[in-house]
C-alpha atoms as a PDB file:
ATOM      1  CA  MET A   1     148.623  69.512  90.599  1.00  0.00           C
ATOM      2  CA  LYS A   2     149.201  72.736  92.402  1.00  0.00           C
ATOM      3  CA  ARG A   3     146.668  73.976  94.900  1.00  0.00           C
ATOM      4  CA  LYS A   4     146.045  77.133  92.853  1.00  0.00           C
ATOM      5  CA  SER A   5     145.152  75.051  89.781  1.00  0.00           C
ATOM      6  CA  ILE A   6     142.694  72.993  91.792  1.00  0.00           C
ATOM      7  CA  TYR A   7     141.043  76.157  93.123  1.00  0.00           C
ATOM      8  CA  LYS A   8     140.745  77.546  89.590  1.00  0.00           C
ATOM      9  CA  ILE A   9     139.087  74.349  88.372  1.00  0.00           C
ATOM     10  CA  ILE A  10     136.652  74.346  91.293  1.00  0.00           C
ATOM     11  CA  LEU A  11     135.839  78.020  90.719  1.00  0.00           C
ATOM     12  CA  ARG A  12     135.181  77.416  87.017  1.00  0.00           C
ATOM     13  CA  VAL A  13     132.920  74.451  87.762  1.00  0.00           C
ATOM     14  CA  LEU A  14     130.948  76.484  90.300  1.00  0.00           C
ATOM     15  CA  LEU A  15     130.708  79.395  87.883  1.00  0.00           C
ATOM     16  CA  PHE A  16     129.504  77.072  85.125  1.00  0.00           C
ATOM     17  CA  CYS A  17     126.846  75.618  87.443  1.00  0.00           C
ATOM     18  CA  LEU A  18     125.729  79.112  88.432  1.00  0.00           C
ATOM     19  CA  VAL A  19     125.491  80.263  84.815  1.00  0.00           C
ATOM     20  CA  TRP A  20     123.644  77.066  83.843  1.00  0.00           C
ATOM     21  CA  ARG A  21     121.140  77.553  86.655  1.00  0.00           C
ATOM     22  CA  LEU A  22     120.676  81.204  85.741  1.00  0.00           C
ATOM     23  CA  ALA A  23     120.177  80.284  82.093  1.00  0.00           C
ATOM     24  CA  CYS A  24     117.507  77.756  83.022  1.00  0.00           C
ATOM     25  CA  THR A  25     115.552  80.146  85.232  1.00  0.00           C
ATOM     26  CA  ALA A  26     116.144  83.647  83.859  1.00  0.00           C
ATOM     27  CA  GLY A  27     117.004  83.041  80.231  1.00  0.00           C
ATOM     28  CA  ALA A  28     120.131  82.694  78.175  1.00  0.00           C
ATOM     29  CA  ILE A  29     120.647  86.406  77.549  1.00  0.00           C
ATOM     30  CA  THR A  30     120.685  87.186  81.277  1.00  0.00           C
ATOM     31  CA  ALA A  31     123.146  84.372  81.941  1.00  0.00           C
ATOM     32  CA  VAL A  32     125.492  85.470  79.167  1.00  0.00           C
ATOM     33  CA  THR A  33     125.322  89.087  80.368  1.00  0.00           C
ATOM     34  CA  ALA A  34     126.070  88.065  83.953  1.00  0.00           C
ATOM     35  CA  TYR A  35     129.006  85.947  82.806  1.00  0.00           C
ATOM     36  CA  LEU A  36     130.449  88.769  80.693  1.00  0.00           C
ATOM     37  CA  VAL A  37     130.130  91.257  83.558  1.00  0.00           C
ATOM     38  CA  PHE A  38     131.839  88.799  85.901  1.00  0.00           C
ATOM     39  CA  ARG A  39     134.737  88.235  83.493  1.00  0.00           C
ATOM     40  CA  ALA A  40     135.142  91.983  82.908  1.00  0.00           C
ATOM     41  CA  ALA A  41     135.206  92.597  86.659  1.00  0.00           C
ATOM     42  CA  CYS A  42     137.860  89.889  87.136  1.00  0.00           C
ATOM     43  CA  PHE A  43     139.975  91.387  84.354  1.00  0.00           C
ATOM     44  CA  LEU A  44     139.720  94.918  85.754  1.00  0.00           C
ATOM     45  CA  LEU A  45     140.519  93.700  89.246  1.00  0.00           C
ATOM     46  CA  ARG A  46     143.600  91.871  87.960  1.00  0.00           C
ATOM     47  CA  VAL A  47     144.776  94.971  86.061  1.00  0.00           C
ATOM     48  CA  CYS A  48     144.155  97.289  89.033  1.00  0.00           C
ATOM     49  CA  LEU A  49     145.962  94.971  91.430  1.00  0.00           C
ATOM     50  CA  SER A  50     148.902  94.691  89.032  1.00  0.00           C
ATOM     51  CA  ALA A  51     149.122  98.480  88.766  1.00  0.00           C
ATOM     52  CA  PHE A  52     148.878  98.819  92.557  1.00  0.00           C
ATOM     53  CA  TYR A  53     151.634  96.230  93.010  1.00  0.00           C
ATOM     54  CA  ALA A  54     153.889  98.051  90.537  1.00  0.00           C
ATOM     55  CA  LEU A  55     153.260 101.343  92.328  1.00  0.00           C
ATOM     56  CA  CYS A  56     154.148  99.804  95.703  1.00  0.00           C
ATOM     57  CA  VAL A  57     157.356  98.317  94.320  1.00  0.00           C
ATOM     58  CA  ALA A  58     158.334 101.669  92.805  1.00  0.00           C
ATOM     59  CA  LEU A  59     157.660 103.477  96.086  1.00  0.00           C
ATOM     60  CA  LEU A  60     159.672 100.905  98.006  1.00  0.00           C
ATOM     61  CA  PHE A  61     162.560 101.330  95.577  1.00  0.00           C
ATOM     62  CA  LEU A  62     162.454 105.117  95.963  1.00  0.00           C
ATOM     63  CA  LEU A  63     162.325 104.773  99.742  1.00  0.00           C
ATOM     64  CA  LEU A  64     165.360 102.506  99.772  1.00  0.00           C
ATOM     65  CA  LEU A  65     167.159 104.849  97.384  1.00  0.00           C
ATOM     66  CA  SER A  66     166.448 107.811  99.646  1.00  0.00           C
ATOM     67  CA  LEU A  67     167.730 105.869 102.668  1.00  0.00           C
ATOM     68  CA  LEU A  68     170.982 105.160 100.838  1.00  0.00           C
ATOM     69  CA  SER A  69     171.496 108.821 100.018  1.00  0.00           C
ATOM     70  CA  ILE A  70     171.151 109.945 103.655  1.00  0.00           C
END
């Protein structure tokens, strides 16, 4: 198994334990809401980082292109 896969499994187990504990103490609706907010934040972070990476690659390409034209 790759190290990244192991980290994902550990993170999911910890998240499940956190949601389970929250559901036991605060109620199921609060736990489900917290889980949905967490997943939405992860998705938005992944999308924003992907867009930022694409922008950096495009700027690097333009920089290299401008250096070739000098």
